[in-house]
Amino acid sequence: DGVMQGWLYKKRLGVKGFLKRRIWTKRWFVLHESKDGVTPSVLYFHKSANAKEWSGSIVVDDSTIDVDDASTHKKKGKAKFFFTINHPKLGKRELCAASEAERMNWINTLEAAIYFAKQMEPRLTKFE
């Protein structure tokens, strides 16, 4: 059980022949917030809501969330609501929500987890 969970699209780099292209994949995300200030807050994801094993994770502590008003685009008549999680050491992850309300809910929850982690400093993590 996490603080928040739901479907988002995650951008990944796909390879087809010699060409590289960006592929958006739908994943089930669950945010686990740090409870002790030592264990980092992590956004886990996998292919289905019922999967037993995580496909990957995104460390939230020390990250920033970027959203641009211009990041709401229409493609094939459907709006896309993008945001980015930027970690200073682990890089960036581009995500997309199904609606503006859903995007803002994720951003507010992630920013609260980041704020909480900063309040718990100093802490030791395996990423430092």
N, C-alpha and C. Protein backbone atom coordinates (compact mmCIF):
# COMPACT_ATOMS: atom_id res chain seq x y z
N ASP A 1 0.84 -1.19 0.00
CA ASP A 1 0.00 0.00 0.00
C ASP A 1 0.88 1.25 0.00
N GLY A 2 0.58 2.15 -0.87
CA GLY A 2 1.36 3.37 -0.95
C GLY A 2 0.51 4.59 -0.65
N VAL A 3 1.16 5.74 -0.67
CA VAL A 3 0.50 7.01 -0.43
C VAL A 3 -0.47 7.32 -1.57
N MET A 4 -0.05 6.98 -2.80
CA MET A 4 -0.88 7.22 -3.98
C MET A 4 -0.57 6.15 -5.00
N GLN A 5 -1.58 5.79 -5.78
CA GLN A 5 -1.36 4.82 -6.84
C GLN A 5 -2.30 5.09 -8.00
N GLY A 6 -1.86 4.69 -9.20
CA GLY A 6 -2.70 4.88 -10.37
C GLY A 6 -1.90 4.72 -11.65
N TRP A 7 -2.61 4.82 -12.77
CA TRP A 7 -1.99 4.66 -14.08
C TRP A 7 -1.37 5.96 -14.57
N LEU A 8 -0.17 5.86 -15.09
CA LEU A 8 0.52 6.95 -15.78
C LEU A 8 1.22 6.35 -17.00
N TYR A 9 1.58 7.20 -17.93
CA TYR A 9 2.42 6.79 -19.04
C TYR A 9 3.85 7.22 -18.74
N LYS A 10 4.80 6.34 -19.05
CA LYS A 10 6.22 6.59 -18.81
C LYS A 10 6.94 6.54 -20.15
N LYS A 11 7.79 7.53 -20.38
CA LYS A 11 8.54 7.56 -21.62
C LYS A 11 9.79 6.71 -21.48
N ARG A 12 10.03 5.88 -22.49
CA ARG A 12 11.27 5.10 -22.51
C ARG A 12 11.83 5.15 -23.92
N LEU A 13 13.10 4.82 -24.02
CA LEU A 13 13.76 4.82 -25.31
C LEU A 13 13.63 3.44 -25.92
N GLY A 14 13.04 3.36 -27.09
CA GLY A 14 12.90 2.09 -27.79
C GLY A 14 13.85 2.04 -28.96
N VAL A 15 14.21 0.85 -29.37
CA VAL A 15 15.12 0.70 -30.48
C VAL A 15 14.44 -0.16 -31.55
N LYS A 16 14.42 0.36 -32.75
CA LYS A 16 13.86 -0.37 -33.87
C LYS A 16 14.89 -0.29 -35.00
N GLY A 17 15.58 -1.37 -35.25
CA GLY A 17 16.65 -1.34 -36.23
C GLY A 17 17.75 -0.42 -35.74
N PHE A 18 18.16 0.49 -36.60
CA PHE A 18 19.20 1.44 -36.21
C PHE A 18 18.62 2.75 -35.67
N LEU A 19 17.30 2.86 -35.71
CA LEU A 19 16.64 4.09 -35.27
C LEU A 19 16.21 3.98 -33.81
N LYS A 20 16.46 5.04 -33.09
CA LYS A 20 15.98 5.11 -31.71
C LYS A 20 14.76 6.00 -31.69
N ARG A 21 13.75 5.60 -30.96
CA ARG A 21 12.54 6.42 -30.85
C ARG A 21 12.00 6.34 -29.44
N ARG A 22 11.26 7.35 -29.07
CA ARG A 22 10.65 7.41 -27.75
C ARG A 22 9.33 6.65 -27.77
N ILE A 23 9.13 5.83 -26.77
CA ILE A 23 7.91 5.03 -26.68
C ILE A 23 7.25 5.34 -25.34
N TRP A 24 5.96 5.61 -25.35
CA TRP A 24 5.19 5.82 -24.14
C TRP A 24 4.54 4.51 -23.75
N THR A 25 4.80 4.06 -22.52
CA THR A 25 4.21 2.81 -22.04
C THR A 25 3.35 3.09 -20.81
N LYS A 26 2.18 2.47 -20.78
CA LYS A 26 1.27 2.64 -19.65
C LYS A 26 1.73 1.73 -18.51
N ARG A 27 1.88 2.30 -17.32
CA ARG A 27 2.34 1.56 -16.16
C ARG A 27 1.51 1.93 -14.94
N TRP A 28 1.41 0.99 -14.00
CA TRP A 28 0.75 1.20 -12.72
C TRP A 28 1.81 1.72 -11.75
N PHE A 29 1.60 2.89 -11.18
CA PHE A 29 2.56 3.53 -10.28
C PHE A 29 2.03 3.53 -8.85
N VAL A 30 2.95 3.31 -7.90
CA VAL A 30 2.62 3.37 -6.48
C VAL A 30 3.72 4.16 -5.77
N LEU A 31 3.35 5.23 -5.08
CA LEU A 31 4.30 6.04 -4.34
C LEU A 31 4.39 5.53 -2.91
N HIS A 32 5.61 5.14 -2.51
CA HIS A 32 5.89 4.75 -1.12
C HIS A 32 6.71 5.87 -0.52
N GLU A 33 6.14 6.52 0.47
CA GLU A 33 6.79 7.66 1.10
C GLU A 33 7.68 7.21 2.25
N SER A 34 8.80 7.92 2.44
CA SER A 34 9.70 7.64 3.55
C SER A 34 8.98 7.87 4.87
N LYS A 35 9.12 6.93 5.76
CA LYS A 35 8.50 7.08 7.08
C LYS A 35 9.52 7.42 8.16
N ASP A 36 10.80 7.18 7.84
CA ASP A 36 11.83 7.35 8.86
C ASP A 36 12.91 8.36 8.48
N GLY A 37 12.88 8.90 7.26
CA GLY A 37 13.91 9.84 6.84
C GLY A 37 15.19 9.16 6.39
N VAL A 38 15.28 7.85 6.53
CA VAL A 38 16.47 7.12 6.10
C VAL A 38 16.17 6.41 4.78
N THR A 39 15.05 5.71 4.73
CA THR A 39 14.62 5.04 3.52
C THR A 39 14.05 6.10 2.57
N PRO A 40 14.52 6.16 1.32
CA PRO A 40 14.01 7.20 0.42
C PRO A 40 12.57 6.96 0.00
N SER A 41 11.88 8.04 -0.36
CA SER A 41 10.56 7.92 -0.98
C SER A 41 10.78 7.44 -2.41
N VAL A 42 10.00 6.44 -2.82
CA VAL A 42 10.21 5.83 -4.13
C VAL A 42 8.87 5.66 -4.84
N LEU A 43 8.87 5.96 -6.13
CA LEU A 43 7.72 5.74 -6.99
C LEU A 43 8.00 4.46 -7.78
N TYR A 44 7.29 3.38 -7.42
CA TYR A 44 7.47 2.09 -8.09
C TYR A 44 6.47 1.97 -9.24
N PHE A 45 6.85 1.20 -10.26
CA PHE A 45 5.91 0.97 -11.35
C PHE A 45 6.03 -0.45 -11.89
N HIS A 46 4.90 -0.93 -12.44
CA HIS A 46 4.90 -2.21 -13.13
C HIS A 46 3.79 -2.23 -14.16
N LYS A 47 3.73 -3.31 -14.94
CA LYS A 47 2.83 -3.37 -16.10
C LYS A 47 1.36 -3.47 -15.75
N SER A 48 1.04 -4.00 -14.58
CA SER A 48 -0.37 -4.13 -14.22
C SER A 48 -0.56 -3.83 -12.73
N ALA A 49 -1.78 -3.53 -12.36
CA ALA A 49 -2.09 -3.24 -10.96
C ALA A 49 -1.99 -4.49 -10.10
N ASN A 50 -2.04 -5.66 -10.70
CA ASN A 50 -2.01 -6.93 -9.96
C ASN A 50 -0.65 -7.61 -9.96
N ALA A 51 0.34 -7.04 -10.63
CA ALA A 51 1.66 -7.66 -10.73
C ALA A 51 2.31 -7.78 -9.35
N LYS A 52 3.03 -8.86 -9.14
CA LYS A 52 3.70 -9.10 -7.86
C LYS A 52 5.08 -8.45 -7.81
N GLU A 53 5.75 -8.35 -8.96
CA GLU A 53 7.10 -7.80 -9.04
C GLU A 53 7.07 -6.41 -9.68
N TRP A 54 7.87 -5.48 -9.16
CA TRP A 54 7.98 -4.15 -9.74
C TRP A 54 8.84 -4.21 -10.99
N SER A 55 8.47 -3.45 -12.01
CA SER A 55 9.28 -3.34 -13.23
C SER A 55 10.42 -2.36 -13.04
N GLY A 56 10.23 -1.39 -12.17
CA GLY A 56 11.26 -0.39 -11.94
C GLY A 56 10.84 0.58 -10.86
N SER A 57 11.68 1.59 -10.66
CA SER A 57 11.40 2.57 -9.61
C SER A 57 12.04 3.91 -9.94
N ILE A 58 11.52 4.94 -9.32
CA ILE A 58 12.03 6.31 -9.46
C ILE A 58 12.19 6.86 -8.05
N VAL A 59 13.42 7.23 -7.68
CA VAL A 59 13.67 7.83 -6.36
C VAL A 59 13.13 9.25 -6.38
N VAL A 60 12.32 9.58 -5.40
CA VAL A 60 11.65 10.88 -5.35
C VAL A 60 12.45 11.88 -4.51
N ASP A 61 13.09 11.43 -3.42
CA ASP A 61 13.86 12.33 -2.56
C ASP A 61 14.90 13.09 -3.38
N ASP A 62 15.11 14.35 -3.06
CA ASP A 62 16.08 15.22 -3.73
C ASP A 62 15.70 15.55 -5.17
N SER A 63 14.51 15.15 -5.60
CA SER A 63 14.07 15.43 -6.96
C SER A 63 13.32 16.75 -7.03
N THR A 64 13.15 17.22 -8.24
CA THR A 64 12.27 18.35 -8.51
C THR A 64 11.23 17.88 -9.53
N ILE A 65 10.09 18.52 -9.50
CA ILE A 65 9.02 18.19 -10.44
C ILE A 65 8.87 19.37 -11.39
N ASP A 66 8.97 19.11 -12.67
CA ASP A 66 8.81 20.15 -13.67
C ASP A 66 7.54 19.93 -14.45
N VAL A 67 6.80 21.00 -14.62
CA VAL A 67 5.61 20.98 -15.47
C VAL A 67 5.58 22.31 -16.20
N ASP A 68 5.27 22.26 -17.45
CA ASP A 68 5.25 23.44 -18.29
C ASP A 68 3.83 23.60 -18.82
N ASP A 69 3.30 24.81 -18.77
CA ASP A 69 1.95 25.02 -19.30
C ASP A 69 1.85 24.56 -20.75
N ALA A 70 2.97 24.65 -21.45
CA ALA A 70 2.99 24.21 -22.85
C ALA A 70 3.10 22.69 -22.97
N SER A 71 3.18 22.00 -21.82
CA SER A 71 3.35 20.55 -21.89
C SER A 71 2.03 19.80 -22.03
N THR A 72 0.94 20.52 -22.19
CA THR A 72 -0.34 19.89 -22.49
C THR A 72 -0.52 19.95 -24.01
N HIS A 73 -0.37 18.83 -24.65
CA HIS A 73 -0.42 18.77 -26.10
C HIS A 73 -1.59 17.92 -26.56
N LYS A 74 -2.02 18.17 -27.75
CA LYS A 74 -3.05 17.31 -28.34
C LYS A 74 -2.42 16.50 -29.45
N LYS A 75 -2.67 15.21 -29.39
CA LYS A 75 -2.19 14.32 -30.43
C LYS A 75 -3.34 13.40 -30.79
N LYS A 76 -3.68 13.37 -32.04
CA LYS A 76 -4.81 12.57 -32.51
C LYS A 76 -6.08 12.91 -31.75
N GLY A 77 -6.26 14.21 -31.42
CA GLY A 77 -7.47 14.66 -30.77
C GLY A 77 -7.52 14.45 -29.26
N LYS A 78 -6.49 13.83 -28.68
CA LYS A 78 -6.49 13.57 -27.24
C LYS A 78 -5.43 14.45 -26.57
N ALA A 79 -5.80 15.07 -25.46
CA ALA A 79 -4.86 15.89 -24.72
C ALA A 79 -3.90 15.01 -23.93
N LYS A 80 -2.66 15.44 -23.81
CA LYS A 80 -1.63 14.74 -23.04
C LYS A 80 -1.13 15.70 -21.96
N PHE A 81 -1.00 15.20 -20.74
CA PHE A 81 -0.65 16.03 -19.60
C PHE A 81 0.68 15.55 -19.00
N PHE A 82 1.77 16.17 -19.46
CA PHE A 82 3.12 15.73 -19.13
C PHE A 82 3.66 16.39 -17.87
N PHE A 83 4.57 15.69 -17.19
CA PHE A 83 5.40 16.26 -16.14
C PHE A 83 6.67 15.42 -16.04
N THR A 84 7.70 16.00 -15.42
CA THR A 84 9.01 15.35 -15.35
C THR A 84 9.50 15.32 -13.91
N ILE A 85 10.03 14.18 -13.50
CA ILE A 85 10.71 14.05 -12.20
C ILE A 85 12.20 14.09 -12.49
N ASN A 86 12.88 15.10 -11.93
CA ASN A 86 14.32 15.28 -12.15
C ASN A 86 15.08 15.00 -10.87
N HIS A 87 15.96 14.01 -10.91
CA HIS A 87 16.82 13.70 -9.76
C HIS A 87 18.24 14.13 -10.13
N PRO A 88 18.95 14.85 -9.23
CA PRO A 88 20.27 15.39 -9.58
C PRO A 88 21.30 14.32 -9.93
N LYS A 89 21.17 13.12 -9.39
CA LYS A 89 22.16 12.07 -9.66
C LYS A 89 21.62 10.96 -10.56
N LEU A 90 20.31 10.76 -10.55
CA LEU A 90 19.72 9.62 -11.26
C LEU A 90 19.02 10.01 -12.55
N GLY A 91 19.01 11.29 -12.89
CA GLY A 91 18.45 11.74 -14.15
C GLY A 91 16.97 12.06 -14.09
N LYS A 92 16.37 12.14 -15.27
CA LYS A 92 14.97 12.55 -15.35
C LYS A 92 14.10 11.42 -15.88
N ARG A 93 12.84 11.46 -15.45
CA ARG A 93 11.82 10.52 -15.93
C ARG A 93 10.62 11.34 -16.39
N GLU A 94 10.23 11.14 -17.62
CA GLU A 94 9.08 11.85 -18.18
C GLU A 94 7.83 10.99 -18.02
N LEU A 95 6.78 11.62 -17.49
CA LEU A 95 5.52 10.92 -17.23
C LEU A 95 4.37 11.70 -17.85
N CYS A 96 3.26 11.03 -18.02
CA CYS A 96 2.08 11.65 -18.61
C CYS A 96 0.83 11.11 -17.92
N ALA A 97 -0.05 12.02 -17.53
CA ALA A 97 -1.32 11.65 -16.89
C ALA A 97 -2.46 11.76 -17.91
N ALA A 98 -3.59 11.19 -17.55
CA ALA A 98 -4.75 11.17 -18.46
C ALA A 98 -5.53 12.49 -18.44
N SER A 99 -5.37 13.29 -17.38
CA SER A 99 -6.10 14.55 -17.28
C SER A 99 -5.28 15.57 -16.50
N GLU A 100 -5.68 16.83 -16.60
CA GLU A 100 -5.00 17.88 -15.84
C GLU A 100 -5.19 17.67 -14.34
N ALA A 101 -6.38 17.27 -13.92
CA ALA A 101 -6.64 17.03 -12.50
C ALA A 101 -5.76 15.90 -11.97
N GLU A 102 -5.64 14.85 -12.75
CA GLU A 102 -4.80 13.71 -12.33
C GLU A 102 -3.33 14.12 -12.27
N ARG A 103 -2.88 14.88 -13.27
CA ARG A 103 -1.49 15.36 -13.26
C ARG A 103 -1.23 16.19 -12.01
N MET A 104 -2.12 17.13 -11.69
CA MET A 104 -1.91 17.99 -10.52
C MET A 104 -1.96 17.19 -9.22
N ASN A 105 -2.80 16.18 -9.15
CA ASN A 105 -2.86 15.32 -7.97
C ASN A 105 -1.52 14.61 -7.77
N TRP A 106 -0.96 14.04 -8.85
CA TRP A 106 0.35 13.39 -8.75
C TRP A 106 1.44 14.38 -8.36
N ILE A 107 1.46 15.54 -9.00
CA ILE A 107 2.49 16.55 -8.71
C ILE A 107 2.40 17.01 -7.26
N ASN A 108 1.22 17.31 -6.78
CA ASN A 108 1.06 17.75 -5.38
C ASN A 108 1.50 16.67 -4.40
N THR A 109 1.16 15.42 -4.67
CA THR A 109 1.54 14.32 -3.77
C THR A 109 3.05 14.10 -3.81
N LEU A 110 3.65 14.13 -5.00
CA LEU A 110 5.10 13.96 -5.11
C LEU A 110 5.85 15.11 -4.44
N GLU A 111 5.38 16.33 -4.63
CA GLU A 111 6.04 17.48 -3.99
C GLU A 111 5.92 17.42 -2.48
N ALA A 112 4.81 16.91 -1.96
CA ALA A 112 4.66 16.74 -0.52
C ALA A 112 5.67 15.71 0.00
N ALA A 113 5.88 14.62 -0.74
CA ALA A 113 6.86 13.59 -0.35
C ALA A 113 8.28 14.17 -0.37
N ILE A 114 8.58 14.98 -1.36
CA ILE A 114 9.90 15.62 -1.45
C ILE A 114 10.10 16.58 -0.29
N TYR A 115 9.07 17.36 0.02
CA TYR A 115 9.14 18.31 1.13
C TYR A 115 9.36 17.57 2.45
N PHE A 116 8.63 16.49 2.66
CA PHE A 116 8.76 15.71 3.88
C PHE A 116 10.18 15.16 4.01
N ALA A 117 10.74 14.66 2.90
CA ALA A 117 12.10 14.11 2.93
C ALA A 117 13.11 15.19 3.31
N LYS A 118 12.92 16.42 2.81
CA LYS A 118 13.84 17.51 3.15
C LYS A 118 13.74 17.88 4.63
N GLN A 119 12.55 17.75 5.21
CA GLN A 119 12.37 18.05 6.62
C GLN A 119 13.05 17.01 7.51
N MET A 120 13.24 15.81 6.99
CA MET A 120 13.83 14.71 7.76
C MET A 120 15.36 14.71 7.71
N GLU A 121 15.98 15.59 6.89
CA GLU A 121 17.44 15.61 6.77
C GLU A 121 18.07 15.98 8.11
N PRO A 122 19.28 15.58 8.44
CA PRO A 122 20.14 14.77 7.57
C PRO A 122 19.73 13.29 7.62
N ARG A 123 19.98 12.64 6.53
CA ARG A 123 19.70 11.23 6.42
C ARG A 123 20.78 10.58 5.57
N LEU A 124 20.89 9.32 5.66
CA LEU A 124 21.83 8.57 4.83
C LEU A 124 21.02 7.69 3.90
N THR A 125 21.39 7.69 2.62
CA THR A 125 20.75 6.79 1.68
C THR A 125 21.83 6.09 0.88
N LYS A 126 21.45 5.04 0.24
CA LYS A 126 22.43 4.32 -0.58
C LYS A 126 22.79 5.08 -1.85
N PHE A 127 22.10 6.19 -2.12
CA PHE A 127 22.36 6.95 -3.34
C PHE A 127 23.37 8.07 -3.12
N GLU A 128 23.80 8.31 -1.88
CA GLU A 128 24.74 9.40 -1.60
C GLU A 128 26.14 8.86 -1.52
